[in-house]
Amino acid sequence: MFGFIIRCFLTAGLLFSTVALFYSGYWGWGITLIFPTAIVIFSFFRNEQMVLALNAMRTGDTDKAKARINKITAPQFLPKKQHAYVLFLKAVLNTQELGFTKSENLLRKAIDMGLRTAQDNAVARMHLAGICAQTGRKKEATTLLAEAKKLDASGMMKEQINQMQGQLRATPSKNQMRMAQMMGGRRKTPRR
């Protein structure tokens, strides 16, 4: 919030200075100040921490991306699409710290707000399917993986989706896990 206030004052000052320079006849300095003013105004529409986090994710440095995305404390003040990406990245990068329930809620909220590309939607659904599979909701995980497969037009995640589908076929259902817990686990048959 403090950075937003500073950015507002900086924008107002730069706009006033640019207009004053043009009005007083210093055209060269006025044109020169247009560029910094445009950069500061552009920062209202693109959060610098999110841009740096996405760049760190692209290079494979997840620790740096996690540190950058956790610096964004008030994503509700960002535009809707950026808010969705902040929630998406927080859920994906902080699954261990947040837990499955909180990560699932963040991913669902990000999907509802709307991620920009189909690839990002596929990744979000695949992560959501993984959370559903680990919490024992096999049917929901299967439908989410089918949606992710449809959204993955380029086929970049084909291998991961097929691997997750194979793991889902091998895992027992929620009812089977409940029955095993009631029976005291799997009983070993004696050797003959």
Protein backbone atom coordinates (compact mmCIF):
# COMPACT_ATOMS: atom_id res chain seq x y z
CA MET A 1 0.00 0.00 0.00
CA PHE A 2 2.89 2.34 0.83
CA GLY A 3 4.44 1.72 -2.59
CA PHE A 4 1.10 2.53 -4.25
CA ILE A 5 0.94 5.91 -2.49
CA ILE A 6 4.52 6.73 -3.48
CA ARG A 7 3.74 5.74 -7.07
CA CYS A 8 0.67 8.05 -7.08
CA PHE A 9 2.70 11.03 -5.83
CA LEU A 10 5.52 10.28 -8.26
CA THR A 11 3.07 10.07 -11.18
CA ALA A 12 1.38 13.33 -10.21
CA GLY A 13 4.75 15.07 -9.87
CA LEU A 14 6.04 13.79 -13.19
CA LEU A 15 2.83 14.73 -15.01
CA PHE A 16 2.87 18.22 -13.51
CA SER A 17 6.55 18.66 -14.40
CA THR A 18 6.02 17.44 -17.98
CA VAL A 19 3.08 19.78 -18.55
CA ALA A 20 4.97 22.72 -16.92
CA LEU A 21 8.01 22.12 -19.13
CA PHE A 22 5.91 22.02 -22.29
CA TYR A 23 4.00 25.14 -21.19
CA SER A 24 7.16 27.11 -20.45
CA GLY A 25 8.71 26.19 -23.79
CA TYR A 26 11.32 23.60 -22.77
CA TRP A 27 10.20 21.05 -25.34
CA GLY A 28 13.33 18.90 -25.16
CA TRP A 29 13.05 18.37 -21.42
CA GLY A 30 9.30 17.83 -21.72
CA ILE A 31 9.78 15.08 -24.29
CA THR A 32 12.52 13.56 -22.12
CA LEU A 33 10.17 13.44 -19.12
CA ILE A 34 7.45 11.69 -21.12
CA PHE A 35 9.37 8.39 -20.98
CA PRO A 36 9.81 8.18 -17.17
CA THR A 37 6.18 9.28 -16.76
CA ALA A 38 5.03 6.50 -19.10
CA ILE A 39 7.09 3.92 -17.17
CA VAL A 40 5.59 4.99 -13.84
CA ILE A 41 2.06 4.96 -15.30
CA PHE A 42 2.74 1.51 -16.79
CA SER A 43 3.67 0.27 -13.29
CA PHE A 44 0.04 0.79 -12.25
CA PHE A 45 -1.01 -1.90 -14.71
CA ARG A 46 1.88 -4.34 -14.16
CA ASN A 47 3.14 -5.13 -10.69
CA GLU A 48 6.93 -5.24 -10.73
CA GLN A 49 7.12 -8.03 -8.14
CA MET A 50 4.86 -10.25 -10.22
CA VAL A 51 6.85 -9.57 -13.39
CA LEU A 52 10.08 -10.48 -11.56
CA ALA A 53 8.44 -13.61 -10.07
CA LEU A 54 7.28 -14.78 -13.51
CA ASN A 55 10.76 -14.16 -14.89
CA ALA A 56 12.30 -16.18 -12.04
CA MET A 57 9.82 -19.01 -12.74
CA ARG A 58 10.80 -18.93 -16.41
CA THR A 59 14.47 -19.29 -15.52
CA GLY A 60 13.71 -22.09 -13.04
CA ASP A 61 14.58 -20.26 -9.81
CA THR A 62 11.54 -21.16 -7.70
CA ASP A 63 13.01 -19.90 -4.42
CA LYS A 64 13.49 -16.43 -5.87
CA ALA A 65 10.01 -16.54 -7.43
CA LYS A 66 8.50 -17.54 -4.09
CA ALA A 67 10.26 -14.67 -2.32
CA ARG A 68 9.06 -12.20 -4.98
CA ILE A 69 5.45 -13.38 -5.00
CA ASN A 70 5.25 -13.39 -1.19
CA LYS A 71 6.23 -9.70 -1.17
CA ILE A 72 2.85 -8.85 -2.70
CA THR A 73 0.74 -8.34 0.40
CA ALA A 74 -2.41 -6.73 -1.04
CA PRO A 75 -3.21 -8.33 -4.41
CA GLN A 76 -6.82 -7.15 -4.23
CA PHE A 77 -5.63 -3.68 -5.32
CA LEU A 78 -4.19 -5.08 -8.55
CA PRO A 79 -6.18 -5.44 -11.77
CA LYS A 80 -8.32 -8.59 -11.92
CA LYS A 81 -6.04 -10.63 -14.20
CA GLN A 82 -2.95 -9.81 -12.15
CA HIS A 83 -4.82 -10.67 -8.96
CA ALA A 84 -5.63 -14.06 -10.50
CA TYR A 85 -1.97 -14.66 -11.38
CA VAL A 86 -0.79 -13.68 -7.89
CA LEU A 87 -3.24 -16.17 -6.35
CA PHE A 88 -2.20 -18.82 -8.88
CA LEU A 89 1.53 -18.37 -8.19
CA LYS A 90 1.02 -18.26 -4.40
CA ALA A 91 -0.95 -21.51 -4.53
CA VAL A 92 1.56 -23.29 -6.76
CA LEU A 93 4.71 -22.10 -4.99
CA ASN A 94 3.49 -22.26 -1.39
CA THR A 95 1.54 -25.54 -1.35
CA GLN A 96 3.72 -26.99 1.42
CA GLU A 97 3.40 -23.95 3.69
CA LEU A 98 -0.28 -23.19 3.04
CA GLY A 99 -1.62 -26.73 3.06
CA PHE A 100 -3.94 -28.41 0.61
CA THR A 101 -7.15 -26.63 1.62
CA LYS A 102 -5.78 -23.09 1.32
CA SER A 103 -3.94 -23.90 -1.93
CA GLU A 104 -7.08 -25.42 -3.40
CA ASN A 105 -9.13 -22.34 -2.48
CA LEU A 106 -6.52 -20.02 -4.04
CA LEU A 107 -6.38 -22.09 -7.26
CA ARG A 108 -10.17 -22.19 -7.58
CA LYS A 109 -10.38 -18.43 -7.03
CA ALA A 110 -7.65 -17.84 -9.65
CA ILE A 111 -9.46 -20.04 -12.19
CA ASP A 112 -12.75 -18.23 -11.50
CA MET A 113 -11.11 -14.82 -11.93
CA GLY A 114 -9.66 -15.97 -15.23
CA LEU A 115 -6.08 -16.72 -16.18
CA ARG A 116 -4.92 -15.20 -19.44
CA THR A 117 -3.65 -18.20 -21.40
CA ALA A 118 -5.00 -21.69 -21.90
CA GLN A 119 -1.62 -23.11 -20.85
CA ASP A 120 -1.85 -21.38 -17.46
CA ASN A 121 -5.40 -22.68 -17.04
CA ALA A 122 -4.16 -26.19 -17.81
CA VAL A 123 -1.36 -25.91 -15.24
CA ALA A 124 -3.82 -24.62 -12.61
CA ARG A 125 -6.21 -27.49 -13.26
CA MET A 126 -3.38 -30.02 -13.16
CA HIS A 127 -2.21 -28.72 -9.77
CA LEU A 128 -5.79 -28.74 -8.55
CA ALA A 129 -6.15 -32.33 -9.75
CA GLY A 130 -3.00 -33.26 -7.80
CA ILE A 131 -4.46 -31.74 -4.64
CA CYS A 132 -7.76 -33.54 -5.19
CA ALA A 133 -5.94 -36.84 -5.74
CA GLN A 134 -3.95 -36.46 -2.53
CA THR A 135 -7.07 -35.66 -0.52
CA GLY A 136 -8.86 -38.74 -1.88
CA ARG A 137 -11.24 -37.17 -4.44
CA LYS A 138 -10.37 -39.39 -7.37
CA LYS A 139 -13.40 -38.60 -9.56
CA GLU A 140 -12.90 -34.84 -9.32
CA ALA A 141 -9.18 -35.24 -10.04
CA THR A 142 -9.99 -37.27 -13.15
CA THR A 143 -12.35 -34.61 -14.51
CA LEU A 144 -9.82 -31.84 -13.78
CA LEU A 145 -7.11 -33.78 -15.63
CA ALA A 146 -9.45 -34.23 -18.60
CA GLU A 147 -10.06 -30.45 -18.64
CA ALA A 148 -6.30 -29.81 -18.41
CA LYS A 149 -5.71 -32.17 -21.33
CA LYS A 150 -8.24 -30.24 -23.46
CA LEU A 151 -6.64 -26.90 -22.56
CA ASP A 152 -3.10 -28.11 -23.32
CA ALA A 153 -3.22 -27.46 -27.05
CA SER A 154 0.57 -27.36 -27.49
CA GLY A 155 1.07 -30.72 -25.76
CA MET A 156 3.74 -29.43 -23.39
CA MET A 157 2.16 -31.10 -20.37
CA LYS A 158 1.05 -34.30 -22.08
CA GLU A 159 3.62 -36.42 -20.28
CA GLN A 160 2.79 -35.02 -16.82
CA ILE A 161 -0.96 -35.43 -17.38
CA ASN A 162 -0.54 -39.03 -18.56
CA GLN A 163 1.69 -39.76 -15.55
CA MET A 164 -0.91 -38.34 -13.16
CA GLN A 165 -3.68 -40.32 -14.85
CA GLY A 166 -1.64 -43.49 -14.40
CA GLN A 167 -1.13 -42.70 -10.72
CA LEU A 168 -4.86 -42.08 -10.31
CA ARG A 169 -5.66 -45.49 -11.79
CA ALA A 170 -3.27 -47.14 -9.32
CA THR A 171 -4.50 -45.33 -6.19
CA PRO A 172 -7.41 -46.72 -4.24
CA SER A 173 -10.65 -44.78 -4.06
CA LYS A 174 -11.79 -42.89 -0.98
CA ASN A 175 -14.18 -45.70 -0.07
CA GLN A 176 -11.41 -48.30 -0.35
CA MET A 177 -9.16 -46.21 1.91
CA ARG A 178 -11.96 -45.88 4.46
CA MET A 179 -12.55 -49.65 4.41
CA ALA A 180 -8.84 -50.29 4.91
CA GLN A 181 -8.80 -47.94 7.91
CA MET A 182 -11.82 -49.69 9.42
CA MET A 183 -10.23 -53.10 8.96
CA GLY A 184 -7.00 -51.98 10.63
CA GLY A 185 -4.97 -51.83 7.47
CA ARG A 186 -4.10 -54.52 5.01
CA ARG A 187 -3.65 -57.86 6.63
CA LYS A 188 -0.80 -60.03 5.56
CA THR A 189 -1.64 -63.54 4.55
CA PRO A 190 0.53 -66.18 6.19
CA ARG A 191 2.97 -68.10 4.05
CA ARG A 192 2.22 -71.71 3.36
